[in-house]
N, C-alpha and C. Protein backbone atom coordinates (compact mmCIF):
# COMPACT_ATOMS: atom_id res chain seq x y z
N MET A 1 39.58 36.69 70.74
CA MET A 1 39.05 37.79 69.94
C MET A 1 40.17 38.41 69.12
N ALA A 2 39.91 38.59 67.85
CA ALA A 2 40.94 39.13 66.96
C ALA A 2 41.15 40.61 67.21
N LEU A 3 42.36 41.05 66.93
CA LEU A 3 42.70 42.46 67.06
C LEU A 3 42.11 43.23 65.87
N THR A 4 41.34 44.29 66.19
CA THR A 4 40.66 45.05 65.15
C THR A 4 41.06 46.51 65.21
N LEU A 5 41.49 47.06 64.07
CA LEU A 5 41.82 48.48 63.96
C LEU A 5 40.67 49.19 63.27
N ASN A 6 40.15 50.24 63.88
CA ASN A 6 39.06 51.00 63.30
C ASN A 6 39.58 52.38 62.92
N GLY A 7 39.76 52.60 61.60
CA GLY A 7 40.30 53.85 61.13
C GLY A 7 39.34 55.01 61.25
N THR A 8 38.04 54.73 61.40
CA THR A 8 37.05 55.79 61.53
C THR A 8 37.06 56.40 62.92
N THR A 9 37.08 55.52 63.91
CA THR A 9 37.05 56.00 65.31
C THR A 9 38.44 56.06 65.93
N ASN A 10 39.44 55.62 65.19
CA ASN A 10 40.82 55.60 65.68
C ASN A 10 40.95 54.81 66.98
N THR A 11 40.33 53.62 67.01
CA THR A 11 40.39 52.76 68.19
C THR A 11 40.95 51.40 67.81
N ILE A 12 41.43 50.70 68.85
CA ILE A 12 41.89 49.32 68.71
C ILE A 12 41.06 48.47 69.65
N SER A 13 40.44 47.43 69.17
CA SER A 13 39.66 46.52 70.01
C SER A 13 40.29 45.14 69.96
N GLY A 14 39.98 44.37 71.02
CA GLY A 14 40.49 43.01 71.08
C GLY A 14 41.87 42.91 71.69
N LEU A 15 42.42 44.03 72.18
CA LEU A 15 43.76 44.00 72.79
C LEU A 15 43.65 43.53 74.24
N ALA A 16 44.33 42.47 74.59
CA ALA A 16 44.28 41.90 75.93
C ALA A 16 45.06 42.76 76.91
N VAL A 17 44.67 42.69 78.20
CA VAL A 17 45.42 43.38 79.25
C VAL A 17 46.85 42.86 79.26
N GLY A 18 47.81 43.77 79.22
CA GLY A 18 49.20 43.37 79.18
C GLY A 18 49.69 43.02 77.79
N GLY A 19 48.86 43.33 76.79
CA GLY A 19 49.19 42.93 75.43
C GLY A 19 50.23 43.79 74.75
N LEU A 20 50.54 44.95 75.30
CA LEU A 20 51.56 45.82 74.71
C LEU A 20 52.94 45.43 75.25
N PRO A 21 53.93 45.40 74.40
CA PRO A 21 55.29 45.08 74.86
C PRO A 21 55.81 46.14 75.83
N ASP A 22 56.77 45.76 76.65
CA ASP A 22 57.40 46.71 77.56
C ASP A 22 58.01 47.86 76.78
N GLY A 23 57.86 49.07 77.34
CA GLY A 23 58.45 50.24 76.73
C GLY A 23 57.57 50.96 75.73
N ILE A 24 56.38 50.40 75.42
CA ILE A 24 55.48 51.03 74.45
C ILE A 24 54.83 52.29 75.04
N VAL A 25 54.34 52.17 76.31
CA VAL A 25 53.68 53.29 76.98
C VAL A 25 54.73 54.12 77.73
N ASP A 26 54.86 55.39 77.36
CA ASP A 26 55.80 56.26 78.05
C ASP A 26 55.03 57.36 78.79
N THR A 27 55.75 58.24 79.44
CA THR A 27 55.13 59.29 80.25
C THR A 27 54.19 60.17 79.44
N ASP A 28 54.58 60.49 78.22
CA ASP A 28 53.77 61.38 77.39
C ASP A 28 52.41 60.79 77.03
N MET A 29 52.29 59.45 77.10
CA MET A 29 51.03 58.79 76.73
C MET A 29 50.04 58.76 77.90
N ILE A 30 50.50 59.09 79.09
CA ILE A 30 49.63 59.05 80.27
C ILE A 30 49.00 60.42 80.46
N ALA A 31 47.69 60.47 80.56
CA ALA A 31 46.99 61.74 80.72
C ALA A 31 47.36 62.39 82.05
N ALA A 32 47.33 63.71 82.09
CA ALA A 32 47.63 64.45 83.32
C ALA A 32 46.67 64.02 84.44
N ALA A 33 47.23 63.77 85.63
CA ALA A 33 46.47 63.37 86.83
C ALA A 33 45.74 62.05 86.64
N ALA A 34 46.18 61.22 85.67
CA ALA A 34 45.49 59.95 85.42
C ALA A 34 45.90 58.86 86.42
N VAL A 35 47.07 59.00 87.03
CA VAL A 35 47.54 57.99 87.98
C VAL A 35 46.96 58.29 89.35
N THR A 36 46.06 57.47 89.82
CA THR A 36 45.38 57.70 91.09
C THR A 36 46.27 57.36 92.27
N ALA A 37 45.84 57.77 93.46
CA ALA A 37 46.60 57.48 94.68
C ALA A 37 46.74 55.97 94.88
N ALA A 38 45.69 55.23 94.55
CA ALA A 38 45.74 53.77 94.71
C ALA A 38 46.84 53.17 93.85
N LYS A 39 47.03 53.69 92.64
CA LYS A 39 48.06 53.19 91.74
C LYS A 39 49.45 53.61 92.20
N ARG A 40 49.55 54.79 92.82
CA ARG A 40 50.86 55.25 93.30
C ARG A 40 51.31 54.43 94.50
N GLY A 41 50.37 53.92 95.27
CA GLY A 41 50.71 53.04 96.38
C GLY A 41 51.00 53.76 97.69
N ALA A 42 51.15 52.95 98.74
CA ALA A 42 51.41 53.47 100.08
C ALA A 42 52.71 54.27 100.10
N GLY A 43 52.69 55.40 100.80
CA GLY A 43 53.87 56.23 100.91
C GLY A 43 53.94 57.35 99.88
N ALA A 44 53.03 57.33 98.91
CA ALA A 44 53.02 58.38 97.89
C ALA A 44 52.53 59.69 98.50
N ILE A 45 53.13 60.80 98.06
CA ILE A 45 52.68 62.12 98.51
C ILE A 45 51.45 62.52 97.70
N ILE A 46 50.33 62.69 98.38
CA ILE A 46 49.08 63.05 97.72
C ILE A 46 49.03 64.55 97.43
N GLN A 47 49.42 65.35 98.41
CA GLN A 47 49.38 66.80 98.25
C GLN A 47 50.23 67.46 99.32
N VAL A 48 50.61 68.70 99.05
CA VAL A 48 51.41 69.50 99.98
C VAL A 48 50.77 70.87 100.14
N VAL A 49 50.63 71.32 101.38
CA VAL A 49 50.13 72.66 101.67
C VAL A 49 51.20 73.39 102.49
N TYR A 50 51.46 74.63 102.12
CA TYR A 50 52.52 75.41 102.77
C TYR A 50 51.98 76.78 103.19
N ALA A 51 52.37 77.21 104.38
CA ALA A 51 51.98 78.53 104.86
C ALA A 51 53.16 79.16 105.58
N LYS A 52 53.18 80.50 105.60
CA LYS A 52 54.24 81.19 106.33
C LYS A 52 53.67 82.43 107.01
N LEU A 53 54.36 82.84 108.05
CA LEU A 53 54.02 84.07 108.77
C LEU A 53 55.30 84.86 108.92
N ASP A 54 55.32 86.08 108.38
CA ASP A 54 56.54 86.88 108.47
C ASP A 54 56.30 88.23 109.14
N THR A 55 55.28 88.29 109.96
CA THR A 55 55.04 89.46 110.80
C THR A 55 55.28 89.08 112.26
N ALA A 56 55.64 90.07 113.06
CA ALA A 56 55.94 89.81 114.47
C ALA A 56 54.66 89.58 115.27
N PHE A 57 54.76 88.69 116.26
CA PHE A 57 53.63 88.36 117.14
C PHE A 57 54.17 88.27 118.56
N ASN A 58 53.38 88.74 119.51
CA ASN A 58 53.70 88.50 120.91
C ASN A 58 52.42 88.44 121.72
N SER A 59 52.45 87.68 122.80
CA SER A 59 51.23 87.49 123.59
C SER A 59 51.56 87.16 125.04
N THR A 60 50.75 87.73 125.94
CA THR A 60 50.79 87.37 127.37
C THR A 60 49.51 86.63 127.75
N THR A 61 48.73 86.21 126.76
CA THR A 61 47.43 85.57 127.00
C THR A 61 47.59 84.23 127.73
N LEU A 62 46.82 84.03 128.75
CA LEU A 62 46.82 82.77 129.49
C LEU A 62 46.07 81.69 128.71
N ASN A 63 46.55 80.46 128.83
CA ASN A 63 45.84 79.27 128.36
C ASN A 63 45.64 79.17 126.85
N GLY A 64 46.48 79.81 126.07
CA GLY A 64 46.51 79.56 124.64
C GLY A 64 45.87 80.61 123.77
N VAL A 65 46.58 80.97 122.68
CA VAL A 65 46.07 81.93 121.71
C VAL A 65 46.70 81.61 120.35
N ASP A 66 45.96 81.82 119.27
CA ASP A 66 46.49 81.60 117.93
C ASP A 66 47.57 82.65 117.62
N THR A 67 48.66 82.20 117.00
CA THR A 67 49.72 83.12 116.62
C THR A 67 49.48 83.76 115.25
N GLY A 68 48.60 83.17 114.47
CA GLY A 68 48.37 83.65 113.11
C GLY A 68 48.96 82.74 112.05
N LEU A 69 49.78 81.77 112.46
CA LEU A 69 50.34 80.80 111.52
C LEU A 69 49.45 79.56 111.51
N SER A 70 48.83 79.29 110.37
CA SER A 70 47.95 78.12 110.26
C SER A 70 47.88 77.66 108.81
N ALA A 71 47.45 76.43 108.61
CA ALA A 71 47.27 75.88 107.26
C ALA A 71 46.14 74.86 107.30
N THR A 72 45.39 74.78 106.21
CA THR A 72 44.28 73.83 106.10
C THR A 72 44.50 72.96 104.88
N ILE A 73 44.35 71.65 105.07
CA ILE A 73 44.51 70.69 103.98
C ILE A 73 43.22 69.89 103.83
N ASN A 74 42.82 69.64 102.60
CA ASN A 74 41.61 68.85 102.33
C ASN A 74 42.02 67.39 102.20
N VAL A 75 41.91 66.64 103.31
CA VAL A 75 42.38 65.26 103.37
C VAL A 75 41.57 64.37 102.43
N GLN A 76 42.28 63.58 101.61
CA GLN A 76 41.62 62.75 100.60
C GLN A 76 41.27 61.35 101.07
N GLY A 77 42.00 60.84 102.07
CA GLY A 77 41.76 59.48 102.56
C GLY A 77 41.76 59.43 104.07
N ALA A 78 40.73 58.80 104.65
CA ALA A 78 40.58 58.79 106.11
C ALA A 78 41.75 58.10 106.81
N SER A 79 42.37 57.13 106.16
CA SER A 79 43.47 56.40 106.79
C SER A 79 44.84 56.94 106.40
N ASN A 80 44.86 57.97 105.57
CA ASN A 80 46.14 58.55 105.15
C ASN A 80 46.83 59.24 106.32
N LYS A 81 48.14 59.34 106.21
CA LYS A 81 48.95 60.01 107.22
C LYS A 81 49.16 61.48 106.84
N LEU A 82 49.40 62.29 107.84
CA LEU A 82 49.70 63.70 107.63
C LEU A 82 51.04 64.01 108.28
N VAL A 83 51.99 64.41 107.45
CA VAL A 83 53.29 64.85 107.95
C VAL A 83 53.22 66.36 108.19
N ILE A 84 53.57 66.77 109.38
CA ILE A 84 53.51 68.18 109.76
C ILE A 84 54.91 68.66 110.13
N ILE A 85 55.35 69.75 109.51
CA ILE A 85 56.65 70.33 109.80
C ILE A 85 56.45 71.82 110.07
N CYS A 86 56.82 72.26 111.25
CA CYS A 86 56.67 73.66 111.61
C CYS A 86 58.01 74.20 112.12
N SER A 87 58.49 75.25 111.47
CA SER A 87 59.74 75.90 111.85
C SER A 87 59.41 77.30 112.36
N ALA A 88 59.82 77.59 113.59
CA ALA A 88 59.45 78.86 114.22
C ALA A 88 60.69 79.59 114.75
N LEU A 89 60.74 80.88 114.48
CA LEU A 89 61.73 81.75 115.12
C LEU A 89 61.04 82.42 116.29
N TRP A 90 61.52 82.17 117.51
CA TRP A 90 60.76 82.65 118.66
C TRP A 90 61.65 82.88 119.87
N ALA A 91 61.08 83.54 120.85
CA ALA A 91 61.72 83.78 122.14
C ALA A 91 60.64 83.81 123.20
N SER A 92 61.01 83.49 124.43
CA SER A 92 60.04 83.58 125.52
C SER A 92 60.60 84.48 126.62
N GLN A 93 59.75 85.34 127.09
CA GLN A 93 60.11 86.28 128.16
C GLN A 93 59.59 85.70 129.46
N GLY A 94 60.43 84.86 130.06
CA GLY A 94 60.01 84.13 131.25
C GLY A 94 59.90 82.64 130.97
N ASN A 95 59.91 81.86 132.03
CA ASN A 95 59.91 80.41 131.87
C ASN A 95 58.53 79.78 132.03
N PHE A 96 57.48 80.54 131.76
CA PHE A 96 56.12 80.01 131.81
C PHE A 96 55.48 80.07 130.41
N CYS A 97 56.31 80.17 129.39
CA CYS A 97 55.81 80.43 128.04
C CYS A 97 56.16 79.28 127.10
N TYR A 98 55.18 78.86 126.33
CA TYR A 98 55.35 77.70 125.46
C TYR A 98 54.59 77.91 124.15
N MET A 99 54.84 77.02 123.17
CA MET A 99 54.06 76.99 121.94
C MET A 99 53.75 75.54 121.59
N TYR A 100 52.70 75.37 120.81
CA TYR A 100 52.31 74.02 120.41
C TYR A 100 51.48 74.07 119.13
N LEU A 101 51.41 72.93 118.44
CA LEU A 101 50.55 72.78 117.27
C LEU A 101 49.22 72.19 117.71
N SER A 102 48.14 72.74 117.17
CA SER A 102 46.81 72.22 117.50
C SER A 102 46.01 71.99 116.23
N ASP A 103 44.91 71.26 116.36
CA ASP A 103 43.97 71.15 115.25
C ASP A 103 43.03 72.36 115.29
N GLY A 104 42.01 72.37 114.44
CA GLY A 104 41.10 73.50 114.38
C GLY A 104 40.29 73.71 115.63
N SER A 105 40.21 72.68 116.50
CA SER A 105 39.47 72.79 117.76
C SER A 105 40.39 73.04 118.94
N ASN A 106 41.64 73.38 118.68
CA ASN A 106 42.64 73.72 119.69
C ASN A 106 43.13 72.53 120.50
N ASN A 107 42.92 71.32 119.98
CA ASN A 107 43.48 70.12 120.62
C ASN A 107 44.94 69.97 120.20
N VAL A 108 45.83 69.72 121.16
CA VAL A 108 47.25 69.56 120.86
C VAL A 108 47.44 68.32 119.99
N ILE A 109 48.13 68.49 118.86
CA ILE A 109 48.40 67.39 117.95
C ILE A 109 49.62 66.61 118.42
N GLU A 110 49.49 65.28 118.50
CA GLU A 110 50.60 64.42 118.94
C GLU A 110 51.21 64.98 120.22
N ARG A 111 50.36 65.16 121.20
CA ARG A 111 50.78 65.73 122.48
C ARG A 111 51.76 64.80 123.20
N PRO A 112 52.82 65.34 123.77
CA PRO A 112 53.76 64.51 124.52
C PRO A 112 53.03 63.76 125.66
N GLY A 113 53.55 62.60 126.00
CA GLY A 113 52.94 61.82 127.06
C GLY A 113 53.04 62.49 128.42
N ALA A 114 52.12 62.14 129.29
CA ALA A 114 52.11 62.72 130.64
C ALA A 114 53.35 62.31 131.42
N SER A 115 53.89 63.25 132.19
CA SER A 115 55.06 62.99 133.03
C SER A 115 54.97 63.87 134.27
N GLY A 116 54.28 63.38 135.29
CA GLY A 116 54.10 64.14 136.51
C GLY A 116 53.30 65.40 136.25
N SER A 117 53.79 66.52 136.75
CA SER A 117 53.10 67.80 136.59
C SER A 117 53.68 68.65 135.45
N ARG A 118 54.53 68.03 134.64
CA ARG A 118 55.21 68.79 133.59
C ARG A 118 54.24 69.21 132.48
N GLY A 119 54.54 70.39 131.90
CA GLY A 119 53.77 70.84 130.75
C GLY A 119 53.97 69.91 129.57
N ARG A 120 52.99 69.89 128.67
CA ARG A 120 53.03 68.96 127.53
C ARG A 120 52.85 69.77 126.24
N PHE A 121 53.93 70.38 125.80
CA PHE A 121 53.90 71.26 124.63
C PHE A 121 55.01 70.87 123.66
N HIS A 122 55.10 71.56 122.53
CA HIS A 122 56.10 71.24 121.52
C HIS A 122 57.31 72.16 121.54
N TRP A 123 57.16 73.38 122.03
CA TRP A 123 58.25 74.34 122.14
C TRP A 123 58.25 74.95 123.54
N GLY A 124 59.43 75.09 124.11
CA GLY A 124 59.54 75.94 125.26
C GLY A 124 59.98 75.28 126.55
N PRO A 125 60.32 76.17 127.50
CA PRO A 125 60.46 77.61 127.28
C PRO A 125 61.80 77.95 126.62
N GLU A 126 61.83 79.09 125.94
CA GLU A 126 63.05 79.62 125.33
C GLU A 126 63.50 80.78 126.21
N TYR A 127 64.12 80.43 127.34
CA TYR A 127 64.33 81.41 128.42
C TYR A 127 65.81 81.59 128.67
N ASN A 128 66.25 82.86 128.73
CA ASN A 128 67.67 83.15 128.89
C ASN A 128 67.93 84.16 130.02
N GLY A 129 67.22 84.05 131.11
CA GLY A 129 67.44 84.93 132.24
C GLY A 129 66.51 86.12 132.28
N ASP A 130 66.56 86.88 133.35
CA ASP A 130 65.62 87.98 133.58
C ASP A 130 66.09 89.32 133.04
N SER A 131 67.35 89.43 132.68
CA SER A 131 67.85 90.72 132.18
C SER A 131 69.15 90.48 131.42
N GLY A 132 69.64 91.54 130.78
CA GLY A 132 70.90 91.43 130.07
C GLY A 132 70.71 91.08 128.61
N SER A 133 71.86 90.99 127.90
CA SER A 133 71.80 90.81 126.46
C SER A 133 71.18 89.47 126.05
N ASN A 134 71.45 88.40 126.77
CA ASN A 134 70.86 87.10 126.42
C ASN A 134 69.34 87.17 126.46
N PHE A 135 68.82 87.84 127.47
CA PHE A 135 67.38 87.97 127.64
C PHE A 135 66.76 88.82 126.54
N ASN A 136 67.38 89.94 126.23
CA ASN A 136 66.78 90.92 125.32
C ASN A 136 66.94 90.58 123.84
N TYR A 137 68.06 89.97 123.48
CA TYR A 137 68.39 89.86 122.06
C TYR A 137 68.33 88.44 121.52
N HIS A 138 68.15 87.47 122.39
CA HIS A 138 68.17 86.08 121.93
C HIS A 138 66.83 85.68 121.29
N ALA A 139 66.92 84.99 120.15
CA ALA A 139 65.77 84.31 119.55
C ALA A 139 66.30 83.01 118.94
N SER A 140 65.48 82.00 118.89
CA SER A 140 65.94 80.69 118.46
C SER A 140 65.07 80.16 117.32
N ARG A 141 65.72 79.49 116.34
CA ARG A 141 65.01 78.81 115.26
C ARG A 141 64.84 77.35 115.67
N ASP A 142 63.60 76.96 115.98
CA ASP A 142 63.29 75.59 116.42
C ASP A 142 62.25 74.98 115.49
N THR A 143 62.43 73.71 115.18
CA THR A 143 61.52 73.00 114.28
C THR A 143 60.91 71.79 114.97
N PHE A 144 59.60 71.65 114.85
CA PHE A 144 58.91 70.46 115.34
C PHE A 144 58.25 69.77 114.15
N GLN A 145 58.40 68.45 114.08
CA GLN A 145 57.74 67.69 113.03
C GLN A 145 57.16 66.41 113.60
N CYS A 146 56.05 65.99 113.03
CA CYS A 146 55.39 64.78 113.52
C CYS A 146 54.56 64.18 112.39
N VAL A 147 54.05 62.96 112.64
CA VAL A 147 53.14 62.29 111.73
C VAL A 147 51.88 61.96 112.51
N THR A 148 50.73 62.34 111.97
CA THR A 148 49.46 62.07 112.63
C THR A 148 48.46 61.53 111.62
N THR A 149 47.36 60.98 112.09
CA THR A 149 46.29 60.48 111.23
C THR A 149 45.02 61.24 111.54
N PRO A 150 44.56 62.11 110.62
CA PRO A 150 43.34 62.89 110.88
C PRO A 150 42.12 62.01 111.14
N GLY A 151 42.02 60.85 110.48
CA GLY A 151 40.93 59.91 110.76
C GLY A 151 39.68 60.13 109.96
N SER A 152 39.64 61.17 109.13
CA SER A 152 38.47 61.42 108.29
C SER A 152 38.90 62.28 107.10
N THR A 153 38.07 62.29 106.08
CA THR A 153 38.36 63.14 104.92
C THR A 153 37.82 64.55 105.16
N GLY A 154 38.19 65.46 104.27
CA GLY A 154 37.72 66.84 104.40
C GLY A 154 38.79 67.75 104.97
N ASN A 155 38.42 68.98 105.24
CA ASN A 155 39.37 69.99 105.70
C ASN A 155 39.90 69.68 107.10
N TYR A 156 41.21 69.78 107.24
CA TYR A 156 41.88 69.58 108.52
C TYR A 156 42.84 70.75 108.72
N THR A 157 42.66 71.48 109.81
CA THR A 157 43.44 72.69 110.07
C THR A 157 44.49 72.43 111.14
N VAL A 158 45.68 72.96 110.90
CA VAL A 158 46.77 72.91 111.88
C VAL A 158 47.15 74.35 112.21
N LYS A 159 47.29 74.65 113.50
CA LYS A 159 47.61 76.01 113.94
C LYS A 159 48.79 75.99 114.91
N LEU A 160 49.59 77.05 114.86
CA LEU A 160 50.62 77.26 115.88
C LEU A 160 50.03 78.19 116.93
N ARG A 161 50.03 77.72 118.19
CA ARG A 161 49.44 78.50 119.27
C ARG A 161 50.49 78.77 120.35
N ALA A 162 50.31 79.90 121.04
CA ALA A 162 51.19 80.29 122.13
C ALA A 162 50.45 80.12 123.45
N ASN A 163 51.21 79.75 124.48
CA ASN A 163 50.59 79.50 125.79
C ASN A 163 51.41 80.17 126.88
N ASN A 164 50.72 80.83 127.80
CA ASN A 164 51.36 81.47 128.94
C ASN A 164 50.66 81.01 130.21
N ASP A 165 51.42 80.48 131.14
CA ASP A 165 50.83 79.95 132.38
C ASP A 165 50.99 80.89 133.57
N ASP A 166 51.39 82.12 133.32
CA ASP A 166 51.62 83.06 134.42
C ASP A 166 51.01 84.40 134.04
N SER A 167 50.19 84.98 134.93
CA SER A 167 49.53 86.25 134.65
C SER A 167 50.46 87.45 134.79
N ASN A 168 51.69 87.22 135.25
CA ASN A 168 52.67 88.29 135.36
C ASN A 168 52.88 88.93 133.99
N ALA A 169 52.82 90.25 133.93
CA ALA A 169 52.92 90.96 132.65
C ALA A 169 54.27 90.74 131.97
N GLY A 170 55.27 90.32 132.72
CA GLY A 170 56.59 90.09 132.16
C GLY A 170 56.74 88.77 131.45
N ARG A 171 55.69 87.93 131.48
CA ARG A 171 55.76 86.62 130.83
C ARG A 171 55.14 86.74 129.44
N CYS A 172 55.92 86.50 128.40
CA CYS A 172 55.42 86.77 127.05
C CYS A 172 56.08 85.85 126.03
N VAL A 173 55.29 85.38 125.08
CA VAL A 173 55.80 84.62 123.94
C VAL A 173 56.00 85.58 122.76
N HIS A 174 57.16 85.51 122.14
CA HIS A 174 57.46 86.35 120.98
C HIS A 174 57.73 85.44 119.78
N LEU A 175 57.11 85.73 118.65
CA LEU A 175 57.30 84.97 117.42
C LEU A 175 57.80 85.91 116.33
N ASN A 176 58.80 85.45 115.59
CA ASN A 176 59.41 86.23 114.51
C ASN A 176 60.08 87.52 114.99
N ARG A 177 60.53 87.52 116.23
CA ARG A 177 61.20 88.68 116.81
C ARG A 177 61.89 88.26 118.10
N ASN A 178 62.76 89.13 118.61
CA ASN A 178 63.32 88.92 119.95
C ASN A 178 62.57 89.80 120.94
N VAL A 179 63.01 89.79 122.19
CA VAL A 179 62.34 90.58 123.22
C VAL A 179 62.53 92.07 122.97
N ASN A 180 63.73 92.46 122.60
CA ASN A 180 64.05 93.88 122.42
C ASN A 180 63.23 94.51 121.28
N ASN A 181 63.26 93.89 120.11
CA ASN A 181 62.42 94.25 118.97
C ASN A 181 62.47 95.74 118.63
N ALA A 182 63.67 96.32 118.63
CA ALA A 182 63.81 97.71 118.22
C ALA A 182 63.84 97.82 116.69
N ASP A 183 63.52 99.00 116.18
CA ASP A 183 63.52 99.23 114.73
C ASP A 183 64.95 99.51 114.28
N ARG A 184 65.72 98.43 114.19
CA ARG A 184 67.13 98.55 113.80
C ARG A 184 67.59 97.24 113.16
N TYR A 185 68.70 97.30 112.46
CA TYR A 185 69.21 96.17 111.69
C TYR A 185 69.47 94.95 112.55
N SER A 186 69.97 95.15 113.77
CA SER A 186 70.39 94.04 114.63
C SER A 186 69.25 93.40 115.41
N ASP A 187 68.00 93.85 115.21
CA ASP A 187 66.83 93.17 115.77
C ASP A 187 65.93 92.77 114.59
N PRO A 188 66.36 91.77 113.81
CA PRO A 188 65.66 91.46 112.55
C PRO A 188 64.30 90.81 112.76
N ILE A 189 63.43 91.01 111.77
CA ILE A 189 62.16 90.29 111.73
C ILE A 189 62.44 88.89 111.19
N GLY A 190 61.64 87.93 111.59
CA GLY A 190 61.85 86.55 111.14
C GLY A 190 60.65 86.01 110.37
N THR A 191 60.77 84.78 109.94
CA THR A 191 59.70 84.07 109.25
C THR A 191 59.51 82.71 109.89
N SER A 192 58.27 82.34 110.13
CA SER A 192 57.94 81.01 110.61
C SER A 192 57.07 80.31 109.57
N THR A 193 57.26 79.01 109.40
CA THR A 193 56.60 78.28 108.31
C THR A 193 55.91 77.02 108.82
N LEU A 194 54.90 76.59 108.05
CA LEU A 194 54.14 75.39 108.38
C LEU A 194 53.88 74.62 107.09
N THR A 195 54.29 73.36 107.05
CA THR A 195 54.11 72.51 105.87
C THR A 195 53.31 71.27 106.25
N LEU A 196 52.28 70.96 105.46
CA LEU A 196 51.45 69.77 105.64
C LEU A 196 51.57 68.90 104.41
N MET A 197 51.85 67.61 104.59
CA MET A 197 51.94 66.66 103.49
C MET A 197 51.04 65.46 103.77
N GLU A 198 50.11 65.20 102.87
CA GLU A 198 49.25 64.02 102.99
C GLU A 198 49.95 62.85 102.30
N ILE A 199 50.09 61.73 103.04
CA ILE A 199 50.79 60.55 102.55
C ILE A 199 49.81 59.39 102.45
N ALA A 200 49.81 58.71 101.32
CA ALA A 200 48.90 57.58 101.11
C ALA A 200 49.20 56.46 102.09
N ALA A 201 48.16 55.90 102.69
CA ALA A 201 48.31 54.82 103.66
C ALA A 201 48.56 53.50 102.94
């Protein structure tokens, strides 16, 4: 088929696939969002969702409670991977206190394997004794990251939850603060963050 230029419609017909020489098509010629995930290939970042919590949280609740840090991503491909990165500034008042990442139904994401009677969480305990400066003023910046497969498209929620296994009032999880938490310069407020990245399978 001959190459035809139509000056009325400003179109070219008869051009074979691959008929343009290398270097003819540049970035400016590609429409915004025209390159699909399939064209970008496996390992391409489809989207990024970021959330942060910069208010103090503490809890003595048994068996899990939301800390207020969460993020929801609208997964585009059922087989795509989800990279999760959560950085938390926290302290635990007692050695029965932990934190973990869960889905929207409170199921632990990428839960550690079973090992006897040991707890299976992502953080904890952050314990520095029953009294004294280490106990009162210590807080730690800890990061957990993992890769999981949601298994379906649509909204997928990730939450940071706190867990306390002891009803003793002295057992407490603290987020974005230390145990002392006085209104002074040397007991600073912190920020905890959660990042979700969908990766093409």
